[in-house]
Structures are given as C-alpha cells and as structure tokens.
Amino acid sequence: VQLVESGGGLVQPGGSLRLSCAASGFTFSHYTMSWYRQGPGKERELVARISSAGAILFYADSVKGRFTISRDNAKNAVYLQMNSLLPEDTAVYYCRPFSTQYWGQGTQVIVSS
C-alpha cells in the first residue's frame, strides 16, 4: 500500500489549497477514504471522510463550509479542497483508507501572513 499526499504549502489566511492523495497497492474504489491532520502540539484529528461511491460521510465542525472532500476512482485519488484557510488549519495532512493502519508521509500546510 502506498499513499502519497501532495499539494501543501505556505498560504496566507483566506487563501486556498487543493490537496491530493495518490493511492496504490489496494483496491481503491472499494474503500472509504479519510483526510486527517495533525497540528503542532496537537493530536491527529479526522477532517473529512468520503465513501467508496463518493458520498460525503463526515466533516469536522471546524472545516464545514470551507473544505470539500472528493475522489476520482478512475485515478485512485482523493482530494481535499481547502478554502478560506485560517492559521489554525496549519497542520500536516494525511489521507487514509478507512479501517486500515496505512498512512502516507503527509503534506505540510502552513497558513500564515
């Protein structure tokens, strides 16, 4: 199993980023997928979750209305569109197949002026 997150970077408050997660080594289209994040000094938290068929299952209250999770099963990829970013969104973001212990290396997002 390989999970490769990308798309992070430094962005000003109010800006946007689109994270991508390229998955391989398992039948991607069969799995619910999640985005997690871990901010500095914080525990890892669930941000968003999408079913294998593309139904939205969960958004953390802190990101509702600002973040959108989506997936493309033909490309074995899951995405996180992040708008109206806040400094508290600063974290390393990870994707993960539901009910597995697989993690990628994460992608760093820094929201700062």
C-alpha atoms as a PDB file:
ATOM      1  CA  VAL A   1       0.000   0.000   0.000  1.00  0.00           C
ATOM      2  CA  GLN A   2       1.276   3.428  -0.916  1.00  0.00           C
ATOM      3  CA  LEU A   3      -0.336   6.767  -0.122  1.00  0.00           C
ATOM      4  CA  VAL A   4       1.305   9.906  -1.467  1.00  0.00           C
ATOM      5  CA  GLU A   5      -0.103  13.233  -0.324  1.00  0.00           C
ATOM      6  CA  SER A   6       0.767  16.435  -2.153  1.00  0.00           C
ATOM      7  CA  GLY A   7      -0.380  19.992  -2.652  1.00  0.00           C
ATOM      8  CA  GLY A   8       0.565  21.501   0.677  1.00  0.00           C
ATOM      9  CA  GLY A   9       2.490  24.710   1.114  1.00  0.00           C
ATOM     10  CA  LEU A  10       2.540  28.154   2.637  1.00  0.00           C
ATOM     11  CA  VAL A  11      -0.598  30.217   2.102  1.00  0.00           C
ATOM     12  CA  GLN A  12      -1.940  33.443   3.544  1.00  0.00           C
ATOM     13  CA  PRO A  13      -5.077  33.470   5.709  1.00  0.00           C
ATOM     14  CA  GLY A  14      -8.116  33.441   3.473  1.00  0.00           C
ATOM     15  CA  GLY A  15      -6.299  31.586   0.748  1.00  0.00           C
ATOM     16  CA  SER A  16      -6.940  28.203  -0.814  1.00  0.00           C
ATOM     17  CA  LEU A  17      -5.104  24.954  -1.422  1.00  0.00           C
ATOM     18  CA  ARG A  18      -6.059  21.661  -3.033  1.00  0.00           C
ATOM     19  CA  LEU A  19      -4.513  18.573  -1.526  1.00  0.00           C
ATOM     20  CA  SER A  20      -4.220  15.336  -3.451  1.00  0.00           C
ATOM     21  CA  CYS A  21      -3.619  11.780  -2.321  1.00  0.00           C
ATOM     22  CA  ALA A  22      -2.476   9.203  -4.837  1.00  0.00           C
ATOM     23  CA  ALA A  23      -3.203   5.664  -3.669  1.00  0.00           C
ATOM     24  CA  SER A  24      -1.881   2.337  -4.872  1.00  0.00           C
ATOM     25  CA  GLY A  25      -1.477  -1.234  -3.705  1.00  0.00           C
ATOM     26  CA  PHE A  26      -5.102  -1.852  -2.819  1.00  0.00           C
ATOM     27  CA  THR A  27      -8.495  -1.720  -4.495  1.00  0.00           C
ATOM     28  CA  PHE A  28      -9.058   1.989  -4.011  1.00  0.00           C
ATOM     29  CA  SER A  29     -12.627   2.023  -5.297  1.00  0.00           C
ATOM     30  CA  HIS A  30     -13.685  -0.368  -2.528  1.00  0.00           C
ATOM     31  CA  TYR A  31     -12.570   1.837   0.331  1.00  0.00           C
ATOM     32  CA  THR A  32     -13.977   4.762   2.212  1.00  0.00           C
ATOM     33  CA  MET A  33     -11.205   7.374   2.387  1.00  0.00           C
ATOM     34  CA  SER A  34     -10.411   9.940   5.031  1.00  0.00           C
ATOM     35  CA  TRP A  35      -8.289  13.047   5.457  1.00  0.00           C
ATOM     36  CA  TYR A  36      -6.702  13.627   8.848  1.00  0.00           C
ATOM     37  CA  ARG A  37      -4.484  16.405  10.117  1.00  0.00           C
ATOM     38  CA  GLN A  38      -2.068  16.921  12.948  1.00  0.00           C
ATOM     39  CA  GLY A  39      -1.268  20.436  14.014  1.00  0.00           C
ATOM     40  CA  PRO A  40       1.789  21.457  16.030  1.00  0.00           C
ATOM     41  CA  GLY A  41       1.429  20.125  19.558  1.00  0.00           C
ATOM     42  CA  LYS A  42      -1.943  18.582  18.782  1.00  0.00           C
ATOM     43  CA  GLU A  43      -3.300  15.088  18.331  1.00  0.00           C
ATOM     44  CA  ARG A  44      -4.145  13.812  14.896  1.00  0.00           C
ATOM     45  CA  GLU A  45      -7.776  14.534  14.056  1.00  0.00           C
ATOM     46  CA  LEU A  46     -10.245  13.424  11.428  1.00  0.00           C
ATOM     47  CA  VAL A  47     -11.030  16.219   8.977  1.00  0.00           C
ATOM     48  CA  ALA A  48     -13.259  14.637   6.335  1.00  0.00           C
ATOM     49  CA  ARG A  49     -14.430  11.266   5.061  1.00  0.00           C
ATOM     50  CA  ILE A  50     -15.915  10.075   1.776  1.00  0.00           C
ATOM     51  CA  SER A  51     -17.490   6.739   0.914  1.00  0.00           C
ATOM     52  CA  SER A  52     -16.238   4.451  -1.793  1.00  0.00           C
ATOM     53  CA  ALA A  53     -19.022   5.724  -4.058  1.00  0.00           C
ATOM     54  CA  GLY A  54     -18.360   9.387  -3.337  1.00  0.00           C
ATOM     55  CA  ALA A  55     -20.920  10.134  -0.646  1.00  0.00           C
ATOM     56  CA  ILE A  56     -19.717  12.623   1.960  1.00  0.00           C
ATOM     57  CA  LEU A  57     -19.709  10.934   5.339  1.00  0.00           C
ATOM     58  CA  PHE A  58     -18.085  13.453   7.659  1.00  0.00           C
ATOM     59  CA  TYR A  59     -16.636  16.923   8.023  1.00  0.00           C
ATOM     60  CA  ALA A  60     -15.132  18.207  11.239  1.00  0.00           C
ATOM     61  CA  ASP A  61     -17.129  21.162  12.545  1.00  0.00           C
ATOM     62  CA  SER A  62     -14.047  23.336  12.247  1.00  0.00           C
ATOM     63  CA  VAL A  63     -13.889  22.882   8.448  1.00  0.00           C
ATOM     64  CA  LYS A  64     -17.567  22.678   7.452  1.00  0.00           C
ATOM     65  CA  GLY A  65     -18.379  25.121   4.686  1.00  0.00           C
ATOM     66  CA  ARG A  66     -14.699  25.691   3.902  1.00  0.00           C
ATOM     67  CA  PHE A  67     -13.290  22.279   2.928  1.00  0.00           C
ATOM     68  CA  THR A  68     -14.582  19.840   0.317  1.00  0.00           C
ATOM     69  CA  ILE A  69     -13.517  16.216   0.013  1.00  0.00           C
ATOM     70  CA  SER A  70     -13.830  14.435  -3.323  1.00  0.00           C
ATOM     71  CA  ARG A  71     -12.421  11.405  -5.084  1.00  0.00           C
ATOM     72  CA  ASP A  72     -11.732  10.030  -8.543  1.00  0.00           C
ATOM     73  CA  ASN A  73     -11.816   6.246  -8.513  1.00  0.00           C
ATOM     74  CA  ALA A  74     -10.514   6.090 -12.081  1.00  0.00           C
ATOM     75  CA  LYS A  75      -7.357   7.867 -10.915  1.00  0.00           C
ATOM     76  CA  ASN A  76      -7.122   6.197  -7.485  1.00  0.00           C
ATOM     77  CA  ALA A  77      -7.066   9.636  -5.914  1.00  0.00           C
ATOM     78  CA  VAL A  78      -8.792  11.540  -3.161  1.00  0.00           C
ATOM     79  CA  TYR A  79      -8.723  15.320  -2.844  1.00  0.00           C
ATOM     80  CA  LEU A  80      -9.278  17.983  -0.231  1.00  0.00           C
ATOM     81  CA  GLN A  81     -10.172  21.449  -1.484  1.00  0.00           C
ATOM     82  CA  MET A  82      -9.461  23.926   1.300  1.00  0.00           C
ATOM     83  CA  ASN A  83     -10.828  27.451   1.052  1.00  0.00           C
ATOM     84  CA  SER A  84     -10.874  30.398   3.454  1.00  0.00           C
ATOM     85  CA  LEU A  85      -7.894  28.960   5.244  1.00  0.00           C
ATOM     86  CA  LEU A  86      -7.205  30.004   8.823  1.00  0.00           C
ATOM     87  CA  PRO A  87      -3.976  29.915  10.834  1.00  0.00           C
ATOM     88  CA  GLU A  88      -5.468  27.095  12.900  1.00  0.00           C
ATOM     89  CA  ASP A  89      -5.610  24.956   9.759  1.00  0.00           C
ATOM     90  CA  THR A  90      -1.822  24.747   9.921  1.00  0.00           C
ATOM     91  CA  ALA A  91      -1.002  21.041  10.129  1.00  0.00           C
ATOM     92  CA  VAL A  92       0.382  18.041   8.358  1.00  0.00           C
ATOM     93  CA  TYR A  93      -2.443  16.498   6.352  1.00  0.00           C
ATOM     94  CA  TYR A  94      -2.728  12.751   5.751  1.00  0.00           C
ATOM     95  CA  CYS A  95      -5.045  10.512   3.778  1.00  0.00           C
ATOM     96  CA  ARG A  96      -6.009   7.074   4.961  1.00  0.00           C
ATOM     97  CA  PRO A  97      -8.183   4.177   3.820  1.00  0.00           C
ATOM     98  CA  PHE A  98     -10.905   3.598   6.410  1.00  0.00           C
ATOM     99  CA  SER A  99     -10.331   0.809   8.918  1.00  0.00           C
ATOM    100  CA  THR A 100      -6.693   0.350   7.982  1.00  0.00           C
ATOM    101  CA  GLN A 101      -3.460   1.345   9.637  1.00  0.00           C
ATOM    102  CA  TYR A 102      -1.909   2.692   6.458  1.00  0.00           C
ATOM    103  CA  TRP A 103      -0.627   6.262   6.441  1.00  0.00           C
ATOM    104  CA  GLY A 104       1.251   8.320   3.908  1.00  0.00           C
ATOM    105  CA  GLN A 105       4.052  10.730   4.700  1.00  0.00           C
ATOM    106  CA  GLY A 106       1.657  13.657   4.815  1.00  0.00           C
ATOM    107  CA  THR A 107       1.788  17.092   3.254  1.00  0.00           C
ATOM    108  CA  GLN A 108       2.512  20.226   5.277  1.00  0.00           C
ATOM    109  CA  VAL A 109       0.085  23.127   5.198  1.00  0.00           C
ATOM    110  CA  ILE A 110       1.123  26.413   6.780  1.00  0.00           C
ATOM    111  CA  VAL A 111      -1.347  29.260   6.958  1.00  0.00           C
ATOM    112  CA  SER A 112       0.422  32.442   7.880  1.00  0.00           C
ATOM    113  CA  SER A 113       0.783  36.046   6.812  1.00  0.00           C
END
